[in-house]
């Protein structure tokens, strides 16, 4: 939380400056490999709480599959 308070203003200024340099095109954040990596990591971390139950369900199977395997 403290990092967000400290770095929030600087990050917002850098974001604004980058968008001004690119004339408003957000593709500037995906052109450079390092920026694309950070963007991908950020999207992954935000999507992880949604993807984790789906991945667990895919690996283990549905609860019905577990019941069928125990009965067999």
N, C-alpha and C. Protein backbone atom coordinates (compact mmCIF):
# COMPACT_ATOMS: atom_id res chain seq x y z
N UNK A 1 0.83 -1.18 0.00
CA UNK A 1 0.00 0.00 0.00
C UNK A 1 0.88 1.25 0.00
N UNK A 2 1.95 1.20 0.75
CA UNK A 2 2.84 2.36 0.81
C UNK A 2 3.51 2.56 -0.55
N UNK A 3 3.92 1.45 -1.18
CA UNK A 3 4.52 1.58 -2.51
C UNK A 3 3.54 2.19 -3.49
N UNK A 4 2.29 1.79 -3.41
CA UNK A 4 1.28 2.34 -4.31
C UNK A 4 1.11 3.84 -4.09
N UNK A 5 1.13 4.26 -2.85
CA UNK A 5 0.99 5.68 -2.56
C UNK A 5 2.20 6.48 -3.05
N UNK A 6 3.38 5.90 -2.90
CA UNK A 6 4.59 6.60 -3.30
C UNK A 6 4.77 6.58 -4.82
N UNK A 7 4.60 5.42 -5.42
CA UNK A 7 4.87 5.28 -6.84
C UNK A 7 3.68 5.61 -7.73
N UNK A 8 2.51 5.77 -7.16
CA UNK A 8 1.31 6.02 -7.96
C UNK A 8 1.40 7.28 -8.79
N UNK A 9 1.84 8.38 -8.20
CA UNK A 9 1.94 9.63 -8.94
C UNK A 9 2.98 9.56 -10.04
N UNK A 10 4.13 8.94 -9.74
CA UNK A 10 5.18 8.82 -10.76
C UNK A 10 4.73 7.91 -11.90
N UNK A 11 4.03 6.84 -11.56
CA UNK A 11 3.54 5.92 -12.58
C UNK A 11 2.51 6.59 -13.47
N UNK A 12 1.62 7.35 -12.87
CA UNK A 12 0.61 8.05 -13.65
C UNK A 12 1.25 9.07 -14.59
N UNK A 13 2.26 9.78 -14.11
CA UNK A 13 2.96 10.76 -14.96
C UNK A 13 3.67 10.06 -16.12
N UNK A 14 4.31 8.93 -15.83
CA UNK A 14 5.01 8.18 -16.88
C UNK A 14 4.02 7.63 -17.89
N UNK A 15 2.87 7.16 -17.44
CA UNK A 15 1.84 6.66 -18.34
C UNK A 15 1.34 7.78 -19.24
N UNK A 16 1.07 8.92 -18.67
CA UNK A 16 0.59 10.06 -19.44
C UNK A 16 1.64 10.49 -20.47
N UNK A 17 2.91 10.55 -20.06
CA UNK A 17 3.98 10.95 -20.97
C UNK A 17 4.12 9.95 -22.12
N UNK A 18 4.02 8.68 -21.83
CA UNK A 18 4.13 7.65 -22.87
C UNK A 18 2.99 7.76 -23.87
N UNK A 19 1.78 7.99 -23.38
CA UNK A 19 0.64 8.12 -24.29
C UNK A 19 0.74 9.39 -25.13
N UNK A 20 1.29 10.45 -24.58
CA UNK A 20 1.50 11.67 -25.36
C UNK A 20 2.53 11.42 -26.46
N UNK A 21 3.61 10.72 -26.13
CA UNK A 21 4.64 10.42 -27.12
C UNK A 21 4.10 9.56 -28.26
N UNK A 22 3.17 8.67 -27.95
CA UNK A 22 2.64 7.76 -28.97
C UNK A 22 1.36 8.29 -29.60
N UNK A 23 1.01 9.56 -29.31
CA UNK A 23 -0.21 10.18 -29.83
C UNK A 23 -1.46 9.40 -29.43
N UNK A 24 -1.46 8.87 -28.23
CA UNK A 24 -2.62 8.19 -27.67
C UNK A 24 -2.75 6.72 -28.03
N UNK A 25 -1.78 6.16 -28.72
CA UNK A 25 -1.85 4.75 -29.11
C UNK A 25 -1.31 3.88 -27.98
N UNK A 26 -2.15 3.00 -27.41
CA UNK A 26 -1.67 2.15 -26.32
C UNK A 26 -0.73 1.04 -26.77
N UNK A 27 -0.53 0.89 -28.08
CA UNK A 27 0.36 -0.15 -28.59
C UNK A 27 1.81 0.09 -28.18
N UNK A 28 2.12 1.29 -27.73
CA UNK A 28 3.48 1.59 -27.30
C UNK A 28 3.90 0.69 -26.14
N UNK A 29 2.93 0.19 -25.38
CA UNK A 29 3.25 -0.67 -24.24
C UNK A 29 3.50 -2.11 -24.64
N UNK A 30 3.27 -2.45 -25.90
CA UNK A 30 3.50 -3.81 -26.36
C UNK A 30 4.62 -3.92 -27.38
N UNK A 31 5.16 -2.79 -27.82
CA UNK A 31 6.19 -2.80 -28.85
C UNK A 31 7.52 -3.31 -28.29
N UNK A 32 7.92 -2.81 -27.15
CA UNK A 32 9.19 -3.21 -26.55
C UNK A 32 9.02 -4.53 -25.82
N UNK A 33 9.99 -5.44 -25.93
CA UNK A 33 9.86 -6.75 -25.29
C UNK A 33 9.72 -6.68 -23.77
N UNK A 34 10.44 -5.79 -23.13
CA UNK A 34 10.36 -5.70 -21.67
C UNK A 34 8.99 -5.19 -21.26
N UNK A 35 8.49 -4.18 -21.96
CA UNK A 35 7.17 -3.64 -21.64
C UNK A 35 6.09 -4.68 -21.89
N UNK A 36 6.23 -5.43 -22.98
CA UNK A 36 5.24 -6.48 -23.28
C UNK A 36 5.27 -7.57 -22.21
N UNK A 37 6.46 -7.89 -21.72
CA UNK A 37 6.57 -8.90 -20.66
C UNK A 37 5.88 -8.45 -19.39
N UNK A 38 6.11 -7.19 -19.02
CA UNK A 38 5.46 -6.67 -17.82
C UNK A 38 3.94 -6.60 -17.99
N UNK A 39 3.49 -6.21 -19.16
CA UNK A 39 2.04 -6.15 -19.41
C UNK A 39 1.43 -7.56 -19.34
N UNK A 40 2.11 -8.52 -19.92
CA UNK A 40 1.63 -9.90 -19.88
C UNK A 40 1.59 -10.42 -18.44
N UNK A 41 2.62 -10.12 -17.67
CA UNK A 41 2.66 -10.54 -16.27
C UNK A 41 1.54 -9.88 -15.48
N UNK A 42 1.28 -8.61 -15.73
CA UNK A 42 0.21 -7.92 -15.02
C UNK A 42 -1.15 -8.52 -15.35
N UNK A 43 -1.39 -8.80 -16.62
CA UNK A 43 -2.66 -9.42 -17.02
C UNK A 43 -2.79 -10.80 -16.40
N UNK A 44 -1.71 -11.56 -16.39
CA UNK A 44 -1.73 -12.89 -15.80
C UNK A 44 -2.03 -12.83 -14.30
N UNK A 45 -1.40 -11.90 -13.58
CA UNK A 45 -1.64 -11.80 -12.15
C UNK A 45 -3.07 -11.35 -11.84
N UNK A 46 -3.64 -10.51 -12.69
CA UNK A 46 -5.02 -10.11 -12.48
C UNK A 46 -6.00 -11.23 -12.83
N UNK A 47 -5.64 -12.06 -13.80
CA UNK A 47 -6.52 -13.15 -14.23
C UNK A 47 -6.33 -14.41 -13.40
N UNK A 48 -5.27 -14.51 -12.64
CA UNK A 48 -4.96 -15.72 -11.90
C UNK A 48 -6.07 -16.15 -10.93
N UNK A 49 -6.70 -15.25 -10.17
CA UNK A 49 -7.79 -15.70 -9.29
C UNK A 49 -8.96 -16.33 -10.04
N UNK A 50 -9.17 -15.94 -11.27
CA UNK A 50 -10.24 -16.53 -12.07
C UNK A 50 -9.77 -17.84 -12.70
N UNK A 51 -8.53 -17.86 -13.14
CA UNK A 51 -8.02 -19.04 -13.83
C UNK A 51 -7.68 -20.19 -12.90
N UNK A 52 -7.32 -19.90 -11.66
CA UNK A 52 -6.89 -20.96 -10.74
C UNK A 52 -7.98 -22.04 -10.53
N UNK A 53 -9.22 -21.69 -10.23
CA UNK A 53 -10.24 -22.75 -10.10
C UNK A 53 -10.46 -23.51 -11.41
N UNK A 54 -10.37 -22.82 -12.54
CA UNK A 54 -10.55 -23.51 -13.82
C UNK A 54 -9.42 -24.49 -14.08
N UNK A 55 -8.21 -24.09 -13.75
CA UNK A 55 -7.06 -24.99 -13.94
C UNK A 55 -7.18 -26.18 -13.00
N UNK A 56 -7.56 -25.94 -11.76
CA UNK A 56 -7.73 -27.05 -10.81
C UNK A 56 -8.81 -28.01 -11.29
N UNK A 57 -9.92 -27.46 -11.80
CA UNK A 57 -11.00 -28.30 -12.29
C UNK A 57 -10.53 -29.12 -13.50
N UNK A 58 -9.73 -28.50 -14.36
CA UNK A 58 -9.25 -29.20 -15.54
C UNK A 58 -8.29 -30.31 -15.16
N UNK A 59 -7.42 -30.06 -14.18
CA UNK A 59 -6.45 -31.07 -13.78
C UNK A 59 -7.10 -32.22 -13.01
N UNK A 60 -8.00 -31.90 -12.11
CA UNK A 60 -8.62 -32.92 -11.27
C UNK A 60 -9.84 -33.52 -11.94
N UNK A 61 -10.56 -32.72 -12.63
CA UNK A 61 -11.81 -33.15 -13.24
C UNK A 61 -12.97 -32.63 -12.43
N UNK A 62 -14.13 -32.83 -12.93
CA UNK A 62 -15.31 -32.35 -12.22
C UNK A 62 -15.58 -33.23 -11.01
N UNK A 63 -16.36 -32.75 -10.06
CA UNK A 63 -16.68 -33.58 -8.88
C UNK A 63 -17.38 -34.88 -9.26
N UNK A 64 -18.15 -34.87 -10.32
CA UNK A 64 -18.81 -36.11 -10.76
C UNK A 64 -17.78 -37.15 -11.19
N UNK A 65 -16.71 -36.70 -11.86
CA UNK A 65 -15.66 -37.62 -12.27
C UNK A 65 -14.99 -38.25 -11.05
N UNK A 66 -14.77 -37.48 -10.01
CA UNK A 66 -14.15 -38.01 -8.79
C UNK A 66 -15.05 -39.06 -8.15
N UNK A 67 -16.35 -38.83 -8.14
CA UNK A 67 -17.30 -39.80 -7.54
C UNK A 67 -17.31 -41.07 -8.38
N UNK A 68 -17.29 -40.94 -9.70
CA UNK A 68 -17.29 -42.12 -10.58
C UNK A 68 -16.01 -42.92 -10.39
N UNK A 69 -14.86 -42.25 -10.21
CA UNK A 69 -13.62 -42.97 -10.04
C UNK A 69 -13.59 -43.72 -8.72
N UNK A 70 -14.17 -43.13 -7.68
CA UNK A 70 -14.21 -43.81 -6.37
C UNK A 70 -15.12 -45.03 -6.43
N UNK A 71 -16.23 -44.94 -7.18
CA UNK A 71 -17.18 -46.03 -7.24
C UNK A 71 -16.64 -47.19 -8.07
N UNK A 72 -15.74 -46.90 -8.98
CA UNK A 72 -15.25 -47.97 -9.89
C UNK A 72 -14.20 -48.82 -9.26
